[in-house]
Protein backbone atom coordinates (compact mmCIF):
# COMPACT_ATOMS: atom_id res chain seq x y z
CA MET A 1 -49.70 -184.73 107.08
CA LYS A 2 -46.26 -186.00 107.97
CA LEU A 3 -45.87 -187.24 104.40
CA ILE A 4 -46.59 -183.78 102.97
CA ARG A 5 -44.05 -182.12 105.30
CA ASN A 6 -41.37 -184.64 104.33
CA PHE A 7 -42.18 -184.13 100.67
CA LEU A 8 -41.93 -180.32 100.98
CA PHE A 9 -38.67 -180.61 102.93
CA ILE A 10 -37.12 -182.84 100.25
CA PHE A 11 -38.47 -180.54 97.52
CA PHE A 12 -36.84 -177.45 99.08
CA VAL A 13 -33.53 -179.27 99.62
CA ILE A 14 -33.45 -180.35 95.96
CA LEU A 15 -34.42 -176.85 94.83
CA SER A 16 -31.63 -175.31 96.95
CA PHE A 17 -29.00 -177.65 95.54
CA SER A 18 -30.12 -177.08 91.96
CA ALA A 19 -30.03 -173.30 92.44
CA CYS A 20 -26.44 -173.48 93.67
CA ALA A 21 -25.41 -175.84 90.88
CA ASN A 22 -26.80 -173.54 88.13
CA ARG A 23 -25.04 -170.47 89.43
CA GLU A 24 -23.01 -168.65 86.76
CA LYS A 25 -19.31 -168.38 87.31
CA PRO A 26 -17.86 -164.86 87.18
CA VAL A 27 -16.14 -163.92 83.95
CA LEU A 28 -12.57 -162.77 84.35
CA GLU A 29 -11.48 -160.01 82.01
CA LYS A 30 -8.02 -159.80 80.61
CA LYS A 31 -7.39 -156.09 80.79
CA LEU A 32 -4.07 -156.25 78.96
CA SER A 33 -5.53 -157.83 75.80
CA THR A 34 -8.47 -155.36 75.77
CA ASP A 35 -6.10 -152.38 75.98
CA ILE A 36 -3.94 -153.74 73.17
CA ALA A 37 -6.99 -154.27 70.95
CA LEU A 38 -8.18 -150.70 71.55
CA GLN A 39 -4.76 -149.28 70.78
CA THR A 40 -4.54 -151.31 67.58
CA ASN A 41 -7.97 -150.09 66.45
CA GLN A 42 -7.01 -146.49 67.15
CA LYS A 43 -3.86 -146.80 65.07
CA THR A 44 -5.61 -148.38 62.09
CA GLU A 45 -8.50 -145.90 62.12
CA SER A 46 -7.00 -142.50 61.42
CA ILE A 47 -9.11 -139.57 60.27
CA GLU A 48 -6.05 -137.90 58.77
CA GLY A 49 -5.84 -137.87 54.99
CA ILE A 50 -7.26 -136.44 51.78
CA TYR A 51 -10.98 -136.94 51.08
CA GLU A 52 -12.48 -136.28 47.64
CA THR A 53 -15.85 -136.48 45.94
CA GLN A 54 -16.22 -139.18 43.32
CA PRO A 55 -17.97 -138.69 39.96
CA ASP A 56 -21.60 -139.89 40.03
CA GLU A 57 -23.14 -140.86 36.71
CA ASN A 58 -26.66 -140.49 38.16
CA ILE A 59 -26.13 -136.82 39.03
CA THR A 60 -25.55 -134.13 36.44
CA GLY A 61 -23.31 -131.19 37.18
CA GLU A 62 -19.82 -131.00 38.54
CA CYS A 63 -19.15 -131.42 42.22
CA LYS A 64 -15.46 -131.33 42.90
CA VAL A 65 -14.76 -130.95 46.61
CA SER A 66 -11.72 -132.13 48.54
CA VAL A 67 -10.82 -131.89 52.21
CA GLU A 68 -7.41 -132.61 53.69
CA ILE A 69 -7.37 -133.40 57.43
CA LYS A 70 -4.05 -133.12 59.31
CA LYS A 71 -3.10 -133.70 62.93
CA GLU A 72 -1.15 -130.76 64.32
CA LYS A 73 0.08 -131.18 67.89
CA LYS A 74 -3.15 -131.77 69.87
CA ASP A 75 -5.64 -130.49 67.29
CA TYR A 76 -6.73 -131.25 63.75
CA SER A 77 -6.69 -128.81 60.84
CA TYR A 78 -8.43 -128.89 57.46
CA PHE A 79 -7.88 -127.56 53.97
CA LEU A 80 -11.12 -127.43 51.93
CA LYS A 81 -10.86 -126.95 48.19
CA THR A 82 -13.70 -126.47 45.68
CA ASN A 83 -13.70 -125.02 42.17
CA LEU A 84 -14.45 -121.55 43.68
CA ARG A 85 -12.60 -121.40 47.00
CA LYS A 86 -9.80 -122.68 49.20
CA LEU A 87 -10.26 -122.50 52.98
CA LYS A 88 -8.12 -123.48 55.97
CA GLY A 89 -9.13 -123.85 59.59
CA ILE A 90 -9.53 -126.01 62.66
CA ALA A 91 -11.27 -129.37 62.42
CA ARG A 92 -12.94 -130.64 65.59
CA PHE A 93 -13.52 -134.39 65.88
CA THR A 94 -16.48 -135.41 68.09
CA THR A 95 -18.68 -138.37 68.93
CA ASN A 96 -22.35 -137.90 69.84
CA GLU A 97 -24.29 -139.77 72.53
CA SER A 98 -25.29 -142.59 70.16
CA GLY A 99 -21.66 -143.22 69.17
CA GLU A 100 -21.76 -141.57 65.74
CA LYS A 101 -18.54 -139.79 64.81
CA TYR A 102 -18.51 -136.28 63.38
CA ILE A 103 -15.93 -133.80 62.23
CA VAL A 104 -16.73 -130.08 62.23
CA LEU A 105 -14.87 -127.83 59.81
CA GLU A 106 -14.94 -124.64 61.86
CA GLY A 107 -15.09 -121.14 60.39
CA ILE A 108 -16.80 -121.95 57.06
CA LYS A 109 -19.81 -119.70 56.56
CA TRP A 110 -22.81 -121.44 54.96
CA ASP A 111 -23.75 -120.07 51.54
CA GLU A 112 -27.50 -119.72 52.27
CA PHE A 113 -29.67 -119.96 55.37
CA GLU A 114 -33.32 -118.98 55.74
CA GLY A 115 -33.76 -120.59 59.14
CA ASP A 116 -36.18 -123.12 60.57
CA ILE A 117 -39.73 -122.08 59.65
CA SER A 118 -41.44 -125.24 60.90
CA HIS A 119 -42.57 -123.54 64.15
CA GLU A 120 -43.71 -120.23 62.68
CA GLU A 121 -47.42 -119.45 62.68
CA GLU A 122 -48.96 -117.79 59.67
CA SER A 123 -49.71 -114.18 60.34
CA ASP A 124 -50.56 -111.10 58.28
CA SER A 125 -49.08 -108.78 60.87
CA ILE A 126 -47.03 -105.81 59.73
CA SER A 127 -44.49 -106.60 62.43
CA ASP A 128 -43.59 -109.85 60.62
CA SER A 129 -42.17 -107.87 57.71
CA LYS A 130 -39.80 -106.05 60.07
CA THR A 131 -38.15 -109.18 61.52
CA LYS A 132 -34.51 -109.41 60.62
CA ALA A 133 -33.05 -112.28 58.60
CA PRO A 134 -31.56 -115.13 60.62
CA GLU A 135 -27.82 -115.12 61.13
CA ILE A 136 -25.96 -117.42 58.72
CA PRO A 137 -24.29 -120.26 60.66
CA THR A 138 -20.60 -121.11 60.41
CA GLY A 139 -19.03 -124.52 60.63
CA ILE A 140 -19.78 -127.50 58.41
CA ASP A 141 -20.30 -130.84 60.10
CA ALA A 142 -19.69 -134.16 58.38
CA SER A 143 -20.44 -137.63 59.66
CA TYR A 144 -17.40 -139.92 59.67
CA VAL A 145 -17.70 -143.64 58.95
CA LYS A 146 -14.53 -145.59 58.12
CA ASP A 147 -12.98 -143.75 55.17
CA THR A 148 -15.96 -141.54 54.24
CA LEU A 149 -17.06 -138.05 55.28
CA THR A 150 -20.71 -137.20 54.50
CA ILE A 151 -22.01 -133.63 54.52
CA GLN A 152 -25.74 -132.91 54.30
CA ASN A 153 -25.39 -130.01 51.89
CA TYR A 154 -28.90 -128.57 51.84
CA GLY A 155 -32.18 -128.73 53.72
CA ASN A 156 -35.83 -128.64 52.69
CA SER A 157 -38.66 -126.09 52.50
CA MET A 158 -39.14 -126.11 56.28
CA ASN A 159 -35.43 -125.60 57.01
CA SER A 160 -33.85 -124.09 53.93
CA TYR A 161 -30.06 -123.87 53.78
CA THR A 162 -27.12 -124.57 51.48
CA LYS A 163 -23.67 -125.15 52.91
CA ILE A 164 -21.55 -125.45 49.75
CA SER A 165 -23.33 -123.97 46.72
CA GLU A 166 -20.63 -125.11 44.28
CA CYS A 167 -21.96 -128.64 44.68
CA GLY A 168 -25.60 -129.40 43.93
CA ARG A 169 -25.68 -132.75 45.73
CA LYS A 170 -27.94 -133.20 48.77
CA TYR A 171 -25.28 -135.39 50.41
CA ILE A 172 -21.65 -134.73 49.59
CA GLN A 173 -19.66 -137.90 50.13
CA LEU A 174 -15.92 -137.44 50.41
CA ILE A 175 -13.96 -140.69 50.18
CA LYS A 176 -10.42 -141.04 51.53
CA LYS A 177 -7.66 -141.53 48.94
């Protein structure tokens, strides 16, 4: 019995020493170098500039769209040009919860919008014919990755819309010059 107690005592002493020896040392952060790196990244990644569609040999039809983004005081502005229209307004730069960056070109009315019909139930009711058409949204959002803005230009049969009818592409990619 005494042998077992001595063995357990030695076992716990060795276990205690090994636990202390394997302890991780705290990592010291160099705040100055982190701040400098963030500032450098912010300077090299500027959303300002002129973005244009590129010709695509796989897609027929012309799709000439350009957007110029400028920084004015605290805000951004845009100038959108297609073969049918020229629009100016405020551009709002945002980041969603998952870290994806977006820019919203405010004040641009979508060309077509039938609304989300995925939750509607089929009905032969007369009252269904009296419902008013959904309000056409304004503001075109584009995802921003490096030097490319991507606009989802139209939806599907369950959520039918077209943002820029002059361009027949599902995804309009505007690449920075």
